[in-house]
N, C-alpha and C. Protein backbone atom coordinates (compact mmCIF):
# COMPACT_ATOMS: atom_id res chain seq x y z
N UNK A 1 84.17 76.25 89.32
CA UNK A 1 84.61 75.54 90.49
C UNK A 1 83.38 75.28 91.37
N UNK A 2 83.18 74.07 91.76
CA UNK A 2 82.03 73.70 92.58
C UNK A 2 82.21 74.25 93.99
N UNK A 3 81.09 74.42 94.67
CA UNK A 3 81.12 75.02 96.00
C UNK A 3 81.89 74.16 96.99
N UNK A 4 81.81 72.83 96.86
CA UNK A 4 82.51 72.00 97.83
C UNK A 4 84.00 71.85 97.52
N UNK A 5 84.43 72.30 96.32
CA UNK A 5 85.85 72.27 95.98
C UNK A 5 86.61 73.46 96.54
N UNK A 6 85.91 74.45 97.04
CA UNK A 6 86.55 75.64 97.58
C UNK A 6 87.23 75.33 98.90
N UNK A 7 88.39 75.94 99.09
CA UNK A 7 88.99 75.87 100.41
C UNK A 7 88.25 76.86 101.30
N UNK A 8 88.45 76.75 102.57
CA UNK A 8 87.69 77.59 103.49
C UNK A 8 88.01 79.07 103.33
N UNK A 9 89.22 79.42 102.90
CA UNK A 9 89.58 80.82 102.76
C UNK A 9 88.98 81.43 101.48
N UNK A 10 88.55 80.60 100.53
CA UNK A 10 87.99 81.11 99.28
C UNK A 10 86.50 81.38 99.37
N UNK A 11 85.89 81.09 100.46
CA UNK A 11 84.45 81.31 100.59
C UNK A 11 84.16 82.81 100.71
N UNK A 12 83.04 83.26 100.15
CA UNK A 12 82.70 84.68 100.18
C UNK A 12 82.49 85.24 101.58
N UNK A 13 82.24 84.40 102.54
CA UNK A 13 82.03 84.91 103.90
C UNK A 13 83.27 85.61 104.43
N UNK A 14 84.45 85.17 104.01
CA UNK A 14 85.68 85.79 104.50
C UNK A 14 85.86 87.20 103.96
N UNK A 15 85.39 87.46 102.75
CA UNK A 15 85.41 88.83 102.23
C UNK A 15 84.56 89.73 103.12
N UNK A 16 83.40 89.22 103.48
CA UNK A 16 82.49 89.99 104.33
C UNK A 16 83.09 90.21 105.71
N UNK A 17 83.68 89.16 106.27
CA UNK A 17 84.31 89.29 107.59
C UNK A 17 85.43 90.32 107.55
N UNK A 18 86.27 90.27 106.51
CA UNK A 18 87.36 91.23 106.40
C UNK A 18 86.84 92.65 106.17
N UNK A 19 85.77 92.79 105.40
CA UNK A 19 85.19 94.12 105.16
C UNK A 19 84.60 94.70 106.44
N UNK A 20 83.92 93.87 107.22
CA UNK A 20 83.37 94.34 108.49
C UNK A 20 84.48 94.70 109.46
N UNK A 21 85.53 93.87 109.50
CA UNK A 21 86.67 94.16 110.38
C UNK A 21 87.36 95.45 109.95
N UNK A 22 87.48 95.68 108.64
CA UNK A 22 88.09 96.92 108.14
C UNK A 22 87.23 98.12 108.51
N UNK A 23 85.92 97.98 108.40
CA UNK A 23 85.03 99.07 108.79
C UNK A 23 85.11 99.38 110.27
N UNK A 24 85.15 98.34 111.09
CA UNK A 24 85.28 98.54 112.54
C UNK A 24 86.63 99.18 112.87
N UNK A 25 87.68 98.72 112.21
CA UNK A 25 89.00 99.28 112.45
C UNK A 25 89.06 100.75 112.03
N UNK A 26 88.37 101.09 110.93
CA UNK A 26 88.31 102.49 110.51
C UNK A 26 87.54 103.33 111.53
N UNK A 27 86.51 102.76 112.12
CA UNK A 27 85.76 103.45 113.17
C UNK A 27 86.68 103.74 114.36
N UNK A 28 87.46 102.75 114.77
CA UNK A 28 88.41 102.94 115.86
C UNK A 28 89.45 103.99 115.47
N UNK A 29 89.90 103.96 114.23
CA UNK A 29 90.87 104.95 113.75
C UNK A 29 90.31 106.36 113.86
N UNK A 30 89.06 106.54 113.49
CA UNK A 30 88.44 107.86 113.60
C UNK A 30 88.28 108.28 115.05
N UNK A 31 88.06 107.30 115.94
CA UNK A 31 87.94 107.64 117.36
C UNK A 31 89.27 108.08 117.96
N UNK A 32 90.38 107.54 117.47
CA UNK A 32 91.67 107.94 118.03
C UNK A 32 92.33 109.05 117.21
N UNK A 33 91.61 109.63 116.30
CA UNK A 33 92.14 110.72 115.49
C UNK A 33 92.64 111.91 116.32
N UNK A 34 92.03 112.24 117.45
CA UNK A 34 92.57 113.34 118.26
C UNK A 34 94.00 113.10 118.77
N UNK A 35 94.48 111.88 118.74
CA UNK A 35 95.87 111.62 119.17
C UNK A 35 96.87 112.34 118.28
N UNK A 36 96.55 112.52 117.01
CA UNK A 36 97.46 113.20 116.10
C UNK A 36 96.96 114.59 115.72
N UNK A 37 95.90 115.03 116.37
CA UNK A 37 95.36 116.36 116.12
C UNK A 37 96.15 117.42 116.86
N UNK A 38 95.63 118.64 116.90
CA UNK A 38 96.35 119.73 117.55
C UNK A 38 96.67 119.47 119.02
N UNK A 39 95.75 118.89 119.75
CA UNK A 39 95.99 118.66 121.17
C UNK A 39 96.99 117.52 121.40
N UNK A 40 96.90 116.47 120.62
CA UNK A 40 97.77 115.31 120.81
C UNK A 40 99.17 115.49 120.26
N UNK A 41 99.36 116.47 119.39
CA UNK A 41 100.69 116.66 118.80
C UNK A 41 101.55 117.65 119.57
N UNK A 42 100.99 118.24 120.61
CA UNK A 42 101.75 119.23 121.39
C UNK A 42 102.07 118.74 122.80
N UNK A 43 102.01 117.45 123.01
CA UNK A 43 102.32 116.90 124.32
C UNK A 43 103.67 116.21 124.29
N UNK A 44 104.18 115.85 125.45
CA UNK A 44 105.51 115.23 125.54
C UNK A 44 105.55 113.85 124.86
N UNK A 45 104.44 113.16 124.87
CA UNK A 45 104.40 111.81 124.29
C UNK A 45 103.74 111.80 122.90
N UNK A 46 103.97 112.85 122.13
CA UNK A 46 103.37 112.97 120.79
C UNK A 46 103.86 111.88 119.85
N UNK A 47 105.11 111.45 120.00
CA UNK A 47 105.64 110.40 119.12
C UNK A 47 104.93 109.08 119.37
N UNK A 48 104.62 108.78 120.64
CA UNK A 48 103.87 107.56 120.95
C UNK A 48 102.45 107.64 120.40
N UNK A 49 101.87 108.82 120.49
CA UNK A 49 100.53 109.02 119.92
C UNK A 49 100.53 108.75 118.42
N UNK A 50 101.53 109.27 117.74
CA UNK A 50 101.60 109.09 116.30
C UNK A 50 101.86 107.63 115.94
N UNK A 51 102.70 106.95 116.69
CA UNK A 51 102.96 105.53 116.41
C UNK A 51 101.70 104.68 116.63
N UNK A 52 100.94 104.99 117.67
CA UNK A 52 99.68 104.29 117.92
C UNK A 52 98.71 104.50 116.76
N UNK A 53 98.60 105.74 116.33
CA UNK A 53 97.71 106.06 115.21
C UNK A 53 98.16 105.35 113.94
N UNK A 54 99.46 105.36 113.65
CA UNK A 54 99.98 104.71 112.45
C UNK A 54 99.81 103.20 112.51
N UNK A 55 99.89 102.61 113.70
CA UNK A 55 99.67 101.17 113.84
C UNK A 55 98.23 100.80 113.50
N UNK A 56 97.28 101.54 114.05
CA UNK A 56 95.87 101.27 113.76
C UNK A 56 95.58 101.55 112.29
N UNK A 57 96.22 102.57 111.74
CA UNK A 57 96.05 102.87 110.32
C UNK A 57 96.58 101.74 109.44
N UNK A 58 97.72 101.17 109.81
CA UNK A 58 98.28 100.05 109.05
C UNK A 58 97.39 98.82 109.12
N UNK A 59 96.82 98.55 110.29
CA UNK A 59 95.91 97.41 110.43
C UNK A 59 94.66 97.62 109.58
N UNK A 60 94.12 98.83 109.59
CA UNK A 60 92.94 99.14 108.79
C UNK A 60 93.23 98.99 107.31
N UNK A 61 94.37 99.50 106.88
CA UNK A 61 94.73 99.41 105.47
C UNK A 61 94.97 97.96 105.06
N UNK A 62 95.57 97.17 105.93
CA UNK A 62 95.80 95.75 105.63
C UNK A 62 94.48 94.99 105.52
N UNK A 63 93.55 95.25 106.43
CA UNK A 63 92.25 94.58 106.37
C UNK A 63 91.47 94.96 105.12
N UNK A 64 91.46 96.25 104.80
CA UNK A 64 90.76 96.69 103.60
C UNK A 64 91.42 96.13 102.35
N UNK A 65 92.74 96.12 102.32
CA UNK A 65 93.46 95.57 101.18
C UNK A 65 93.21 94.08 101.00
N UNK A 66 93.21 93.34 102.09
CA UNK A 66 92.94 91.90 102.00
C UNK A 66 91.53 91.63 101.51
N UNK A 67 90.57 92.42 101.97
CA UNK A 67 89.20 92.25 101.52
C UNK A 67 89.06 92.57 100.03
N UNK A 68 89.69 93.63 99.59
CA UNK A 68 89.64 93.99 98.17
C UNK A 68 90.31 92.91 97.33
N UNK A 69 91.45 92.41 97.78
CA UNK A 69 92.16 91.37 97.04
C UNK A 69 91.31 90.12 96.89
N UNK A 70 90.69 89.69 97.99
CA UNK A 70 89.86 88.48 97.93
C UNK A 70 88.63 88.70 97.04
N UNK A 71 88.03 89.87 97.14
CA UNK A 71 86.83 90.15 96.35
C UNK A 71 87.16 90.23 94.87
N UNK A 72 88.30 90.83 94.53
CA UNK A 72 88.67 90.93 93.12
C UNK A 72 89.04 89.57 92.54
N UNK A 73 89.66 88.71 93.35
CA UNK A 73 89.96 87.35 92.88
C UNK A 73 88.68 86.58 92.61
N UNK A 74 87.71 86.70 93.52
CA UNK A 74 86.44 86.00 93.33
C UNK A 74 85.68 86.61 92.17
N UNK A 75 85.77 87.92 92.01
CA UNK A 75 85.06 88.58 90.91
C UNK A 75 85.62 88.11 89.57
N UNK A 76 86.92 87.94 89.48
CA UNK A 76 87.54 87.46 88.24
C UNK A 76 87.14 86.01 87.97
N UNK A 77 87.02 85.24 89.03
CA UNK A 77 86.71 83.82 88.89
C UNK A 77 85.23 83.57 88.63
N UNK A 78 84.36 84.23 89.39
CA UNK A 78 82.93 83.94 89.35
C UNK A 78 82.07 85.10 88.87
N UNK A 79 82.65 86.27 88.74
CA UNK A 79 81.86 87.46 88.46
C UNK A 79 81.33 88.02 89.76
N UNK A 80 80.76 89.16 89.71
CA UNK A 80 80.21 89.75 90.93
C UNK A 80 80.42 91.26 90.94
N UNK A 81 80.21 91.80 92.09
CA UNK A 81 80.26 93.25 92.22
C UNK A 81 81.67 93.73 92.56
N UNK A 82 81.89 95.01 92.31
CA UNK A 82 83.15 95.65 92.66
C UNK A 82 83.10 96.02 94.14
N UNK A 83 84.14 95.74 94.92
CA UNK A 83 84.10 96.01 96.36
C UNK A 83 84.35 97.50 96.66
N UNK A 84 83.36 98.32 96.37
CA UNK A 84 83.51 99.77 96.51
C UNK A 84 83.74 100.20 97.96
N UNK A 85 83.11 99.53 98.91
CA UNK A 85 83.26 99.91 100.31
C UNK A 85 84.72 99.80 100.75
N UNK A 86 85.34 98.68 100.48
CA UNK A 86 86.72 98.48 100.91
C UNK A 86 87.70 99.28 100.07
N UNK A 87 87.39 99.49 98.81
CA UNK A 87 88.25 100.36 98.00
C UNK A 87 88.23 101.78 98.55
N UNK A 88 87.04 102.26 98.92
CA UNK A 88 86.95 103.61 99.49
C UNK A 88 87.64 103.68 100.85
N UNK A 89 87.55 102.63 101.66
CA UNK A 89 88.28 102.61 102.92
C UNK A 89 89.79 102.66 102.69
N UNK A 90 90.26 101.93 101.71
CA UNK A 90 91.68 101.95 101.38
C UNK A 90 92.15 103.32 100.93
N UNK A 91 91.35 103.98 100.10
CA UNK A 91 91.69 105.32 99.63
C UNK A 91 91.70 106.30 100.80
N UNK A 92 90.73 106.19 101.69
CA UNK A 92 90.71 107.06 102.88
C UNK A 92 91.91 106.79 103.78
N UNK A 93 92.30 105.54 103.92
CA UNK A 93 93.47 105.21 104.74
C UNK A 93 94.74 105.79 104.14
N UNK A 94 94.86 105.73 102.83
CA UNK A 94 96.04 106.32 102.18
C UNK A 94 96.04 107.84 102.36
N UNK A 95 94.87 108.45 102.26
CA UNK A 95 94.75 109.89 102.51
C UNK A 95 95.13 110.23 103.95
N UNK A 96 94.64 109.45 104.91
CA UNK A 96 95.00 109.65 106.32
C UNK A 96 96.50 109.47 106.53
N UNK A 97 97.09 108.49 105.85
CA UNK A 97 98.53 108.26 105.98
C UNK A 97 99.32 109.47 105.48
N UNK A 98 98.94 109.99 104.33
CA UNK A 98 99.63 111.17 103.80
C UNK A 98 99.46 112.37 104.71
N UNK A 99 98.25 112.57 105.21
CA UNK A 99 98.01 113.69 106.13
C UNK A 99 98.81 113.54 107.41
N UNK A 100 98.92 112.32 107.91
CA UNK A 100 99.68 112.09 109.14
C UNK A 100 101.17 112.31 108.91
N UNK A 101 101.68 111.80 107.81
CA UNK A 101 103.11 111.94 107.55
C UNK A 101 103.53 113.38 107.31
N UNK A 102 102.64 114.19 106.78
CA UNK A 102 102.96 115.60 106.56
C UNK A 102 102.34 116.52 107.61
N UNK A 103 102.00 115.96 108.77
CA UNK A 103 101.43 116.71 109.90
C UNK A 103 100.21 117.55 109.52
N UNK A 104 99.37 117.01 108.67
CA UNK A 104 98.17 117.70 108.26
C UNK A 104 97.11 117.78 109.34
N UNK A 105 97.10 116.81 110.26
CA UNK A 105 96.12 116.82 111.34
C UNK A 105 96.54 117.71 112.49
N UNK A 106 97.83 118.05 112.58
CA UNK A 106 98.35 118.79 113.71
C UNK A 106 98.20 120.30 113.56
N UNK A 107 97.53 120.75 112.52
CA UNK A 107 97.41 122.19 112.27
C UNK A 107 96.55 122.84 113.33
């Protein structure tokens, strides 16, 4: 496929933009991690804290997933590298989700 035949969403820059956004979102997720930790889980508004954390977690997982999906489609079409950064972010997000759902951070 020629470069000018690509639609704007198929350009490799969007993979990079999504990967950077996923990394930034993961950074924000790590910053709000105390919301579901021991201190944040023992307050009156603990349910709101957990919903906020789960919302940011869902956004991070969606961004990482979209970046991996786009990179794998381009890799199948043109060849290229495996998107290890976003795959690892996705795995970490799934781990964080499991820990949050089973109150692993609230210990």
